[in-house]
Amino acid sequence: PGVPEGKSLPLAMASVGEKLRIVKLKGSEGTVRRLIGMGLVPSIEVQIVSTSGGSVIVAIGDNRIGLGAGMAQKIMCTNSKFP
């Protein structure tokens, strides 16, 4: 369970409580723009608050963002700590 060290996987596959770093956003230009607009940008750290059927709620600081399964599949994350 969870994201193996050094590997990137979609946010949808992460476990509750995990802290992950976003490494890449996939999808159409519109999708990527929408994710960036919600504050989901590469290099930030997010924590998984809840998961349900592929849908995910993540915490970015004090903010909580809910993502459907499709969107969560487009956010590639790693648990590697960046310098």
PDB file of N, CA and C in Angstrom:
ATOM      1  N   PRO A   1       0.827  -1.201   0.000  1.00  0.00           N
ATOM      2  CA  PRO A   1       0.000   0.000   0.000  1.00  0.00           C
ATOM      3  C   PRO A   1       0.860   1.249   0.000  1.00  0.00           C
ATOM      4  N   GLY A   2       0.337   2.320  -0.560  1.00  0.00           N
ATOM      5  CA  GLY A   2       1.074   3.571  -0.580  1.00  0.00           C
ATOM      6  C   GLY A   2       1.998   3.660  -1.774  1.00  0.00           C
ATOM      7  N   VAL A   3       2.753   4.727  -1.812  1.00  0.00           N
ATOM      8  CA  VAL A   3       3.638   5.004  -2.935  1.00  0.00           C
ATOM      9  C   VAL A   3       5.045   4.543  -2.594  1.00  0.00           C
ATOM     10  N   PRO A   4       5.643   3.670  -3.432  1.00  0.00           N
ATOM     11  CA  PRO A   4       7.008   3.213  -3.155  1.00  0.00           C
ATOM     12  C   PRO A   4       8.003   4.378  -3.224  1.00  0.00           C
ATOM     13  N   GLU A   5       9.050   4.306  -2.449  1.00  0.00           N
ATOM     14  CA  GLU A   5      10.077   5.349  -2.421  1.00  0.00           C
ATOM     15  C   GLU A   5      10.648   5.586  -3.819  1.00  0.00           C
ATOM     16  N   GLY A   6      10.683   6.852  -4.228  1.00  0.00           N
ATOM     17  CA  GLY A   6      11.307   7.202  -5.496  1.00  0.00           C
ATOM     18  C   GLY A   6      10.457   6.975  -6.735  1.00  0.00           C
ATOM     19  N   LYS A   7       9.302   6.349  -6.592  1.00  0.00           N
ATOM     20  CA  LYS A   7       8.427   6.091  -7.747  1.00  0.00           C
ATOM     21  C   LYS A   7       7.328   7.140  -7.777  1.00  0.00           C
ATOM     22  N   SER A   8       6.811   7.417  -8.986  1.00  0.00           N
ATOM     23  CA  SER A   8       5.658   8.313  -9.038  1.00  0.00           C
ATOM     24  C   SER A   8       4.432   7.516  -9.457  1.00  0.00           C
ATOM     25  N   LEU A   9       3.344   7.798  -8.773  1.00  0.00           N
ATOM     26  CA  LEU A   9       2.075   7.129  -9.019  1.00  0.00           C
ATOM     27  C   LEU A   9       0.964   8.167  -8.992  1.00  0.00           C
ATOM     28  N   PRO A  10      -0.183   7.862  -9.593  1.00  0.00           N
ATOM     29  CA  PRO A  10      -1.306   8.811  -9.521  1.00  0.00           C
ATOM     30  C   PRO A  10      -1.757   9.018  -8.076  1.00  0.00           C
ATOM     31  N   LEU A  11      -2.190  10.232  -7.798  1.00  0.00           N
ATOM     32  CA  LEU A  11      -2.707  10.579  -6.472  1.00  0.00           C
ATOM     33  C   LEU A  11      -3.820   9.621  -6.044  1.00  0.00           C
ATOM     34  N   ALA A  12      -4.593   9.126  -7.004  1.00  0.00           N
ATOM     35  CA  ALA A  12      -5.722   8.233  -6.714  1.00  0.00           C
ATOM     36  C   ALA A  12      -5.278   6.936  -6.025  1.00  0.00           C
ATOM     37  N   MET A  13      -4.001   6.568  -6.172  1.00  0.00           N
ATOM     38  CA  MET A  13      -3.524   5.304  -5.602  1.00  0.00           C
ATOM     39  C   MET A  13      -2.884   5.471  -4.225  1.00  0.00           C
ATOM     40  N   ALA A  14      -2.862   6.680  -3.711  1.00  0.00           N
ATOM     41  CA  ALA A  14      -2.220   6.933  -2.422  1.00  0.00           C
ATOM     42  C   ALA A  14      -3.110   6.503  -1.263  1.00  0.00           C
ATOM     43  N   SER A  15      -2.497   6.329  -0.110  1.00  0.00           N
ATOM     44  CA  SER A  15      -3.222   5.908   1.098  1.00  0.00           C
ATOM     45  C   SER A  15      -3.497   7.102   2.006  1.00  0.00           C
ATOM     46  N   VAL A  16      -4.562   6.999   2.796  1.00  0.00           N
ATOM     47  CA  VAL A  16      -4.924   8.061   3.740  1.00  0.00           C
ATOM     48  C   VAL A  16      -3.758   8.310   4.703  1.00  0.00           C
ATOM     49  N   GLY A  17      -3.470   9.578   4.917  1.00  0.00           N
ATOM     50  CA  GLY A  17      -2.397   9.958   5.838  1.00  0.00           C
ATOM     51  C   GLY A  17      -1.060  10.181   5.171  1.00  0.00           C
ATOM     52  N   GLU A  18      -0.898   9.708   3.940  1.00  0.00           N
ATOM     53  CA  GLU A  18       0.388   9.869   3.251  1.00  0.00           C
ATOM     54  C   GLU A  18       0.649  11.323   2.902  1.00  0.00           C
ATOM     55  N   LYS A  19       1.904  11.732   3.033  1.00  0.00           N
ATOM     56  CA  LYS A  19       2.340  13.047   2.561  1.00  0.00           C
ATOM     57  C   LYS A  19       3.116  12.807   1.272  1.00  0.00           C
ATOM     58  N   LEU A  20       2.690  13.470   0.224  1.00  0.00           N
ATOM     59  CA  LEU A  20       3.284  13.268  -1.089  1.00  0.00           C
ATOM     60  C   LEU A  20       3.646  14.594  -1.724  1.00  0.00           C
ATOM     61  N   ARG A  21       4.570  14.540  -2.666  1.00  0.00           N
ATOM     62  CA  ARG A  21       4.944  15.719  -3.427  1.00  0.00           C
ATOM     63  C   ARG A  21       4.464  15.535  -4.860  1.00  0.00           C
ATOM     64  N   ILE A  22       3.789  16.532  -5.386  1.00  0.00           N
ATOM     65  CA  ILE A  22       3.319  16.466  -6.773  1.00  0.00           C
ATOM     66  C   ILE A  22       4.523  16.639  -7.696  1.00  0.00           C
ATOM     67  N   VAL A  23       4.650  15.726  -8.673  1.00  0.00           N
ATOM     68  CA  VAL A  23       5.773  15.829  -9.603  1.00  0.00           C
ATOM     69  C   VAL A  23       5.333  16.186 -11.018  1.00  0.00           C
ATOM     70  N   LYS A  24       4.088  15.878 -11.383  1.00  0.00           N
ATOM     71  CA  LYS A  24       3.655  16.133 -12.756  1.00  0.00           C
ATOM     72  C   LYS A  24       2.135  16.145 -12.830  1.00  0.00           C
ATOM     73  N   LEU A  25       1.614  17.008 -13.710  1.00  0.00           N
ATOM     74  CA  LEU A  25       0.183  17.045 -13.984  1.00  0.00           C
ATOM     75  C   LEU A  25      -0.029  16.555 -15.405  1.00  0.00           C
ATOM     76  N   LYS A  26      -0.951  15.621 -15.582  1.00  0.00           N
ATOM     77  CA  LYS A  26      -1.232  15.079 -16.908  1.00  0.00           C
ATOM     78  C   LYS A  26      -2.610  15.551 -17.362  1.00  0.00           C
ATOM     79  N   GLY A  27      -2.915  15.304 -18.630  1.00  0.00           N
ATOM     80  CA  GLY A  27      -4.230  15.664 -19.135  1.00  0.00           C
ATOM     81  C   GLY A  27      -4.167  16.817 -20.116  1.00  0.00           C
ATOM     82  N   SER A  28      -5.331  17.271 -20.550  1.00  0.00           N
ATOM     83  CA  SER A  28      -5.419  18.359 -21.520  1.00  0.00           C
ATOM     84  C   SER A  28      -4.946  19.663 -20.888  1.00  0.00           C
ATOM     85  N   GLU A  29      -4.704  20.638 -21.741  1.00  0.00           N
ATOM     86  CA  GLU A  29      -4.269  21.944 -21.247  1.00  0.00           C
ATOM     87  C   GLU A  29      -5.295  22.525 -20.273  1.00  0.00           C
ATOM     88  N   GLY A  30      -6.577  22.350 -20.592  1.00  0.00           N
ATOM     89  CA  GLY A  30      -7.633  22.844 -19.718  1.00  0.00           C
ATOM     90  C   GLY A  30      -7.631  22.170 -18.359  1.00  0.00           C
ATOM     91  N   THR A  31      -7.418  20.853 -18.354  1.00  0.00           N
ATOM     92  CA  THR A  31      -7.363  20.098 -17.100  1.00  0.00           C
ATOM     93  C   THR A  31      -6.190  20.569 -16.246  1.00  0.00           C
ATOM     94  N   VAL A  32      -5.031  20.693 -16.873  1.00  0.00           N
ATOM     95  CA  VAL A  32      -3.831  21.122 -16.139  1.00  0.00           C
ATOM     96  C   VAL A  32      -4.036  22.528 -15.580  1.00  0.00           C
ATOM     97  N   ARG A  33      -4.632  23.418 -16.382  1.00  0.00           N
ATOM     98  CA  ARG A  33      -4.900  24.781 -15.921  1.00  0.00           C
ATOM     99  C   ARG A  33      -5.834  24.781 -14.714  1.00  0.00           C
ATOM    100  N   ARG A  34      -6.839  23.920 -14.772  1.00  0.00           N
ATOM    101  CA  ARG A  34      -7.798  23.844 -13.666  1.00  0.00           C
ATOM    102  C   ARG A  34      -7.118  23.362 -12.379  1.00  0.00           C
ATOM    103  N   LEU A  35      -6.274  22.344 -12.498  1.00  0.00           N
ATOM    104  CA  LEU A  35      -5.556  21.829 -11.331  1.00  0.00           C
ATOM    105  C   LEU A  35      -4.636  22.904 -10.741  1.00  0.00           C
ATOM    106  N   ILE A  36      -3.922  23.607 -11.618  1.00  0.00           N
ATOM    107  CA  ILE A  36      -3.035  24.680 -11.152  1.00  0.00           C
ATOM    108  C   ILE A  36      -3.855  25.764 -10.456  1.00  0.00           C
ATOM    109  N   GLY A  37      -5.032  26.063 -11.002  1.00  0.00           N
ATOM    110  CA  GLY A  37      -5.914  27.058 -10.398  1.00  0.00           C
ATOM    111  C   GLY A  37      -6.367  26.674  -9.000  1.00  0.00           C
ATOM    112  N   MET A  38      -6.428  25.372  -8.739  1.00  0.00           N
ATOM    113  CA  MET A  38      -6.821  24.900  -7.397  1.00  0.00           C
ATOM    114  C   MET A  38      -5.619  24.840  -6.458  1.00  0.00           C
ATOM    115  N   GLY A  39      -4.442  25.200  -6.954  1.00  0.00           N
ATOM    116  CA  GLY A  39      -3.247  25.183  -6.117  1.00  0.00           C
ATOM    117  C   GLY A  39      -2.469  23.892  -6.193  1.00  0.00           C
ATOM    118  N   LEU A  40      -2.884  22.991  -7.090  1.00  0.00           N
ATOM    119  CA  LEU A  40      -2.181  21.710  -7.233  1.00  0.00           C
ATOM    120  C   LEU A  40      -1.104  21.860  -8.302  1.00  0.00           C
ATOM    121  N   VAL A  41       0.063  22.287  -7.870  1.00  0.00           N
ATOM    122  CA  VAL A  41       1.161  22.543  -8.792  1.00  0.00           C
ATOM    123  C   VAL A  41       2.348  21.635  -8.457  1.00  0.00           C
ATOM    124  N   PRO A  42       3.158  21.299  -9.465  1.00  0.00           N
ATOM    125  CA  PRO A  42       4.327  20.461  -9.188  1.00  0.00           C
ATOM    126  C   PRO A  42       5.214  21.072  -8.121  1.00  0.00           C
ATOM    127  N   SER A  43       5.765  20.232  -7.296  1.00  0.00           N
ATOM    128  CA  SER A  43       6.715  20.507  -6.209  1.00  0.00           C
ATOM    129  C   SER A  43       6.060  20.796  -4.858  1.00  0.00           C
ATOM    130  N   ILE A  44       4.729  21.015  -4.801  1.00  0.00           N
ATOM    131  CA  ILE A  44       4.118  21.230  -3.491  1.00  0.00           C
ATOM    132  C   ILE A  44       3.821  19.891  -2.810  1.00  0.00           C
ATOM    133  N   GLU A  45       3.708  19.951  -1.488  1.00  0.00           N
ATOM    134  CA  GLU A  45       3.402  18.750  -0.720  1.00  0.00           C
ATOM    135  C   GLU A  45       1.918  18.728  -0.379  1.00  0.00           C
ATOM    136  N   VAL A  46       1.306  17.570  -0.565  1.00  0.00           N
ATOM    137  CA  VAL A  46      -0.098  17.388  -0.194  1.00  0.00           C
ATOM    138  C   VAL A  46      -0.196  16.197   0.755  1.00  0.00           C
ATOM    139  N   GLN A  47      -1.232  16.190   1.581  1.00  0.00           N
ATOM    140  CA  GLN A  47      -1.483  15.048   2.457  1.00  0.00           C
ATOM    141  C   GLN A  47      -2.860  14.494   2.135  1.00  0.00           C
ATOM    142  N   ILE A  48      -2.964  13.171   2.067  1.00  0.00           N
ATOM    143  CA  ILE A  48      -4.231  12.518   1.765  1.00  0.00           C
ATOM    144  C   ILE A  48      -5.090  12.511   3.026  1.00  0.00           C
ATOM    145  N   VAL A  49      -6.271  13.137   2.939  1.00  0.00           N
ATOM    146  CA  VAL A  49      -7.182  13.209   4.076  1.00  0.00           C
ATOM    147  C   VAL A  49      -8.173  12.046   4.022  1.00  0.00           C
ATOM    148  N   SER A  50      -8.649  11.738   2.812  1.00  0.00           N
ATOM    149  CA  SER A  50      -9.688  10.721   2.658  1.00  0.00           C
ATOM    150  C   SER A  50      -9.686  10.194   1.226  1.00  0.00           C
ATOM    151  N   THR A  51     -10.051   8.928   1.068  1.00  0.00           N
ATOM    152  CA  THR A  51     -10.205   8.354  -0.272  1.00  0.00           C
ATOM    153  C   THR A  51     -11.492   7.547  -0.299  1.00  0.00           C
ATOM    154  N   SER A  52     -12.127   7.519  -1.468  1.00  0.00           N
ATOM    155  CA  SER A  52     -13.350   6.744  -1.623  1.00  0.00           C
ATOM    156  C   SER A  52     -13.581   6.455  -3.101  1.00  0.00           C
ATOM    157  N   GLY A  53     -13.405   5.206  -3.488  1.00  0.00           N
ATOM    158  CA  GLY A  53     -13.655   4.805  -4.860  1.00  0.00           C
ATOM    159  C   GLY A  53     -12.833   5.562  -5.881  1.00  0.00           C
ATOM    160  N   GLY A  54     -11.601   5.929  -5.546  1.00  0.00           N
ATOM    161  CA  GLY A  54     -10.750   6.654  -6.471  1.00  0.00           C
ATOM    162  C   GLY A  54     -10.787   8.155  -6.253  1.00  0.00           C
ATOM    163  N   SER A  55     -11.868   8.657  -5.635  1.00  0.00           N
ATOM    164  CA  SER A  55     -11.939  10.079  -5.296  1.00  0.00           C
ATOM    165  C   SER A  55     -11.046  10.332  -4.084  1.00  0.00           C
ATOM    166  N   VAL A  56     -10.489  11.531  -4.023  1.00  0.00           N
ATOM    167  CA  VAL A  56      -9.510  11.836  -2.986  1.00  0.00           C
ATOM    168  C   VAL A  56      -9.785  13.227  -2.418  1.00  0.00           C
ATOM    169  N   ILE A  57      -9.601  13.376  -1.109  1.00  0.00           N
ATOM    170  CA  ILE A  57      -9.568  14.704  -0.497  1.00  0.00           C
ATOM    171  C   ILE A  57      -8.139  14.905  -0.015  1.00  0.00           C
ATOM    172  N   VAL A  58      -7.523  16.007  -0.469  1.00  0.00           N
ATOM    173  CA  VAL A  58      -6.144  16.288  -0.070  1.00  0.00           C
ATOM    174  C   VAL A  58      -6.097  17.569   0.744  1.00  0.00           C
ATOM    175  N   ALA A  59      -5.078  17.657   1.581  1.00  0.00           N
ATOM    176  CA  ALA A  59      -4.832  18.864   2.359  1.00  0.00           C
ATOM    177  C   ALA A  59      -3.587  19.539   1.812  1.00  0.00           C
ATOM    178  N   ILE A  60      -3.726  20.844   1.551  1.00  0.00           N
ATOM    179  CA  ILE A  60      -2.569  21.677   1.208  1.00  0.00           C
ATOM    180  C   ILE A  60      -2.561  22.768   2.266  1.00  0.00           C
ATOM    181  N   GLY A  61      -1.686  22.628   3.225  1.00  0.00           N
ATOM    182  CA  GLY A  61      -1.710  23.547   4.355  1.00  0.00           C
ATOM    183  C   GLY A  61      -3.036  23.406   5.082  1.00  0.00           C
ATOM    184  N   ASP A  62      -3.772  24.515   5.246  1.00  0.00           N
ATOM    185  CA  ASP A  62      -5.068  24.478   5.934  1.00  0.00           C
ATOM    186  C   ASP A  62      -6.233  24.257   4.982  1.00  0.00           C
ATOM    187  N   ASN A  63      -5.952  24.164   3.689  1.00  0.00           N
ATOM    188  CA  ASN A  63      -7.013  23.984   2.693  1.00  0.00           C
ATOM    189  C   ASN A  63      -7.275  22.515   2.410  1.00  0.00           C
ATOM    190  N   ARG A  64      -8.525  22.197   2.120  1.00  0.00           N
ATOM    191  CA  ARG A  64      -8.903  20.833   1.724  1.00  0.00           C
ATOM    192  C   ARG A  64      -9.479  20.901   0.323  1.00  0.00           C
ATOM    193  N   ILE A  65      -9.023  20.013  -0.547  1.00  0.00           N
ATOM    194  CA  ILE A  65      -9.506  19.999  -1.926  1.00  0.00           C
ATOM    195  C   ILE A  65      -9.993  18.599  -2.264  1.00  0.00           C
ATOM    196  N   GLY A  66     -11.225  18.510  -2.750  1.00  0.00           N
ATOM    197  CA  GLY A  66     -11.784  17.229  -3.170  1.00  0.00           C
ATOM    198  C   GLY A  66     -11.587  17.040  -4.664  1.00  0.00           C
ATOM    199  N   LEU A  67     -11.132  15.856  -5.051  1.00  0.00           N
ATOM    200  CA  LEU A  67     -10.886  15.542  -6.454  1.00  0.00           C
ATOM    201  C   LEU A  67     -11.613  14.260  -6.828  1.00  0.00           C
ATOM    202  N   GLY A  68     -12.258  14.268  -7.960  1.00  0.00           N
ATOM    203  CA  GLY A  68     -12.870  13.049  -8.470  1.00  0.00           C
ATOM    204  C   GLY A  68     -11.799  12.077  -8.914  1.00  0.00           C
ATOM    205  N   ALA A  69     -12.191  10.839  -9.153  1.00  0.00           N
ATOM    206  CA  ALA A  69     -11.239   9.792  -9.533  1.00  0.00           C
ATOM    207  C   ALA A  69     -10.470  10.157 -10.802  1.00  0.00           C
ATOM    208  N   GLY A  70     -11.165  10.737 -11.787  1.00  0.00           N
ATOM    209  CA  GLY A  70     -10.506  11.101 -13.040  1.00  0.00           C
ATOM    210  C   GLY A  70      -9.402  12.118 -12.841  1.00  0.00           C
ATOM    211  N   MET A  71      -9.709  13.161 -12.059  1.00  0.00           N
ATOM    212  CA  MET A  71      -8.702  14.196 -11.783  1.00  0.00           C
ATOM    213  C   MET A  71      -7.544  13.627 -10.959  1.00  0.00           C
ATOM    214  N   ALA A  72      -7.871  12.805  -9.973  1.00  0.00           N
ATOM    215  CA  ALA A  72      -6.831  12.242  -9.102  1.00  0.00           C
ATOM    216  C   ALA A  72      -5.868  11.354  -9.886  1.00  0.00           C
ATOM    217  N   GLN A  73      -6.341  10.761 -10.974  1.00  0.00           N
ATOM    218  CA  GLN A  73      -5.471   9.921 -11.817  1.00  0.00           C
ATOM    219  C   GLN A  73      -4.462  10.761 -12.592  1.00  0.00           C
ATOM    220  N   LYS A  74      -4.754  12.039 -12.780  1.00  0.00           N
ATOM    221  CA  LYS A  74      -3.909  12.890 -13.611  1.00  0.00           C
ATOM    222  C   LYS A  74      -2.810  13.597 -12.834  1.00  0.00           C
ATOM    223  N   ILE A  75      -2.815  13.423 -11.503  1.00  0.00           N
ATOM    224  CA  ILE A  75      -1.814  14.082 -10.654  1.00  0.00           C
ATOM    225  C   ILE A  75      -0.794  13.030 -10.233  1.00  0.00           C
ATOM    226  N   MET A  76       0.417  13.153 -10.754  1.00  0.00           N
ATOM    227  CA  MET A  76       1.478  12.192 -10.428  1.00  0.00           C
ATOM    228  C   MET A  76       2.264  12.702  -9.219  1.00  0.00           C
ATOM    229  N   CYS A  77       2.447  11.788  -8.261  1.00  0.00           N
ATOM    230  CA  CYS A  77       3.076  12.146  -6.994  1.00  0.00           C
ATOM    231  C   CYS A  77       4.202  11.188  -6.640  1.00  0.00           C
ATOM    232  N   THR A  78       5.064  11.632  -5.760  1.00  0.00           N
ATOM    233  CA  THR A  78       6.105  10.778  -5.204  1.00  0.00           C
ATOM    234  C   THR A  78       6.206  11.075  -3.707  1.00  0.00           C
ATOM    235  N   ASN A  79       6.747  10.099  -2.956  1.00  0.00           N
ATOM    236  CA  ASN A  79       6.953  10.377  -1.529  1.00  0.00           C
ATOM    237  C   ASN A  79       8.402  10.732  -1.265  1.00  0.00           C
ATOM    238  N   SER A  80       9.211  10.833  -2.327  1.00  0.00           N
ATOM    239  CA  SER A  80      10.607  11.218  -2.152  1.00  0.00           C
ATOM    240  C   SER A  80      10.693  12.636  -1.631  1.00  0.00           C
ATOM    241  N   LYS A  81      11.563  12.852  -0.676  1.00  0.00           N
ATOM    242  CA  LYS A  81      11.748  14.208  -0.154  1.00  0.00           C
ATOM    243  C   LYS A  81      12.683  14.959  -1.091  1.00  0.00           C
ATOM    244  N   PHE A  82      12.255  16.153  -1.495  1.00  0.00           N
ATOM    245  CA  PHE A  82      13.081  16.966  -2.361  1.00  0.00           C
ATOM    246  C   PHE A  82      13.934  17.887  -1.487  1.00  0.00           C
ATOM    247  N   PRO A  83      15.110  18.231  -1.952  1.00  0.00           N
ATOM    248  CA  PRO A  83      15.962  19.134  -1.132  1.00  0.00           C
ATOM    249  C   PRO A  83      15.335  20.498  -1.001  1.00  0.00           C
TER     250      PRO A  83
END
